[in-house]
C-alpha atoms as a PDB file:
ATOM      1  CA  PHE A   1     -11.546  83.333 103.961  1.00  0.00           C
ATOM      2  CA  THR A   2     -12.129  86.958 102.934  1.00  0.00           C
ATOM      3  CA  MET A   3     -10.774  88.303 106.269  1.00  0.00           C
ATOM      4  CA  VAL A   4      -7.513  86.481 105.688  1.00  0.00           C
ATOM      5  CA  SER A   5      -7.360  87.848 102.161  1.00  0.00           C
ATOM      6  CA  ILE A   6      -7.979  91.420 103.351  1.00  0.00           C
ATOM      7  CA  SER A   7      -5.330  91.231 106.099  1.00  0.00           C
ATOM      8  CA  LEU A   8      -2.842  89.735 103.634  1.00  0.00           C
ATOM      9  CA  GLN A   9      -3.515  92.611 101.226  1.00  0.00           C
ATOM     10  CA  LYS A  10      -2.943  95.145 104.027  1.00  0.00           C
ATOM     11  CA  ILE A  11       0.377  93.534 104.961  1.00  0.00           C
ATOM     12  CA  THR A  12       1.440  93.428 101.327  1.00  0.00           C
ATOM     13  CA  MET A  13       0.554  97.093 100.837  1.00  0.00           C
ATOM     14  CA  LYS A  14       2.433  98.088 104.001  1.00  0.00           C
ATOM     15  CA  LEU A  15       5.533  96.193 102.873  1.00  0.00           C
ATOM     16  CA  ALA A  16       5.333  97.799  99.435  1.00  0.00           C
ATOM     17  CA  LEU A  17       4.997 101.258 100.990  1.00  0.00           C
ATOM     18  CA  ILE A  18       7.956 100.664 103.320  1.00  0.00           C
ATOM     19  CA  SER A  19      10.161  99.453 100.472  1.00  0.00           C
ATOM     20  CA  ILE A  20       9.237 102.454  98.327  1.00  0.00           C
ATOM     21  CA  LEU A  21       9.999 104.872 101.167  1.00  0.00           C
ATOM     22  CA  ALA A  22      13.304 103.175 101.955  1.00  0.00           C
ATOM     23  CA  GLY A  23      14.339 103.269  98.298  1.00  0.00           C
ATOM     24  CA  SER A  24      13.457 106.925  97.892  1.00  0.00           C
ATOM     25  CA  ALA A  25      15.305 107.861 101.096  1.00  0.00           C
ATOM     26  CA  ALA A  26      18.448 106.203  99.752  1.00  0.00           C
ATOM     27  CA  ALA A  27      18.221 108.374  96.646  1.00  0.00           C
ATOM     28  CA  PHE A  28      18.717 111.496  98.748  1.00  0.00           C
ATOM     29  CA  ALA A  29      21.660 110.190 100.764  1.00  0.00           C
ATOM     30  CA  PRO A  30      24.903 112.057 100.117  1.00  0.00           C
ATOM     31  CA  ALA A  31      27.256 110.353  97.714  1.00  0.00           C
ATOM     32  CA  PRO A  32      30.550 109.178  99.205  1.00  0.00           C
ATOM     33  CA  THR A  33      33.427 111.410  98.255  1.00  0.00           C
ATOM     34  CA  ALA A  34      36.776 110.061  97.187  1.00  0.00           C
ATOM     35  CA  ARG A  35      39.479 110.875  99.682  1.00  0.00           C
ATOM     36  CA  THR A  36      43.049 111.073  98.596  1.00  0.00           C
ATOM     37  CA  SER A  37      45.172 111.194 101.668  1.00  0.00           C
ATOM     38  CA  VAL A  38      48.681 112.501 101.804  1.00  0.00           C
ATOM     39  CA  ALA A  39      49.741 109.338 103.620  1.00  0.00           C
ATOM     40  CA  GLN A  40      48.941 107.120 100.634  1.00  0.00           C
ATOM     41  CA  ASN A  41      50.847 109.341  98.267  1.00  0.00           C
ATOM     42  CA  ALA A  42      53.678 109.546 100.783  1.00  0.00           C
ATOM     43  CA  ALA A  43      53.926 105.741 100.927  1.00  0.00           C
ATOM     44  CA  LEU A  44      54.328 105.543  97.161  1.00  0.00           C
ATOM     45  CA  ASP A  45      56.793 108.458  97.170  1.00  0.00           C
ATOM     46  CA  ASP A  46      58.806 106.725  99.897  1.00  0.00           C
ATOM     47  CA  LEU A  47      58.792 103.528  97.868  1.00  0.00           C
ATOM     48  CA  LYS A  48      60.113 105.395  94.818  1.00  0.00           C
ATOM     49  CA  SER A  49      62.835 107.181  96.785  1.00  0.00           C
ATOM     50  CA  ILE A  50      63.989 103.903  98.381  1.00  0.00           C
ATOM     51  CA  ALA A  51      64.105 102.262  94.951  1.00  0.00           C
ATOM     52  CA  GLU A  52      66.132 105.137  93.518  1.00  0.00           C
ATOM     53  CA  LYS A  53      68.622 104.980  96.398  1.00  0.00           C
ATOM     54  CA  SER A  54      68.912 101.205  96.074  1.00  0.00           C
ATOM     55  CA  ASN A  55      69.569 101.211  92.332  1.00  0.00           C
ATOM     56  CA  PRO A  56      70.178 104.633  90.727  1.00  0.00           C
ATOM     57  CA  VAL A  57      70.326 103.149  87.235  1.00  0.00           C
ATOM     58  CA  LEU A  58      67.014 101.280  87.302  1.00  0.00           C
ATOM     59  CA  LYS A  59      65.232 103.543  89.814  1.00  0.00           C
ATOM     60  CA  PHE A  60      61.581 102.615  90.392  1.00  0.00           C
ATOM     61  CA  TYR A  61      60.485  99.551  88.415  1.00  0.00           C
ATOM     62  CA  ASP A  62      57.122  97.949  89.108  1.00  0.00           C
ATOM     63  CA  PRO A  63      56.133  95.774  86.114  1.00  0.00           C
ATOM     64  CA  LEU A  64      53.329  93.987  88.030  1.00  0.00           C
ATOM     65  CA  GLU A  65      51.962  97.322  89.314  1.00  0.00           C
ATOM     66  CA  LEU A  66      51.819  96.026  92.868  1.00  0.00           C
ATOM     67  CA  SER A  67      52.285  99.529  94.240  1.00  0.00           C
ATOM     68  CA  SER A  68      48.976 100.658  92.740  1.00  0.00           C
ATOM     69  CA  THR A  69      46.822  97.675  93.714  1.00  0.00           C
ATOM     70  CA  THR A  70      45.092  96.560  96.884  1.00  0.00           C
ATOM     71  CA  ILE A  71      45.370  93.193  98.559  1.00  0.00           C
ATOM     72  CA  TRP A  72      42.557  91.608 100.615  1.00  0.00           C
ATOM     73  CA  GLY A  73      40.367  94.695 100.368  1.00  0.00           C
ATOM     74  CA  ASN A  74      42.813  96.890 102.260  1.00  0.00           C
ATOM     75  CA  SER A  75      43.900 100.340 101.213  1.00  0.00           C
ATOM     76  CA  ASN A  76      46.819 101.002  98.914  1.00  0.00           C
ATOM     77  CA  ASP A  77      48.873 102.191 101.887  1.00  0.00           C
ATOM     78  CA  ASP A  78      48.262  98.889 103.687  1.00  0.00           C
ATOM     79  CA  THR A  79      49.265  96.965 100.558  1.00  0.00           C
ATOM     80  CA  ILE A  80      52.558  98.845 100.274  1.00  0.00           C
ATOM     81  CA  ALA A  81      53.227  98.239 103.977  1.00  0.00           C
ATOM     82  CA  PHE A  82      52.487  94.521 103.531  1.00  0.00           C
ATOM     83  CA  LEU A  83      54.777  94.263 100.522  1.00  0.00           C
ATOM     84  CA  ARG A  84      57.589  96.032 102.374  1.00  0.00           C
ATOM     85  CA  HIS A  85      57.438  93.521 105.210  1.00  0.00           C
ATOM     86  CA  SER A  86      56.923  90.407 103.134  1.00  0.00           C
END
């Protein structure tokens, strides 16, 4: 009964050590940087220029802010492309 207890303690200590090491390694991982691509800004600029050509009086009007949201976890560029083709 004591042999089982000792081996269980060793396994528990090893698991605790592994989890501590994994957690501390994640602390030193580089933080993801935000990327602003020209393509995303170009998609919105294209959308605004098309709206201005279509209706010069109203120009760009987006009351639901669909041009600045994402759908189904895709990027903003993918959302604008989806909305253009829908």
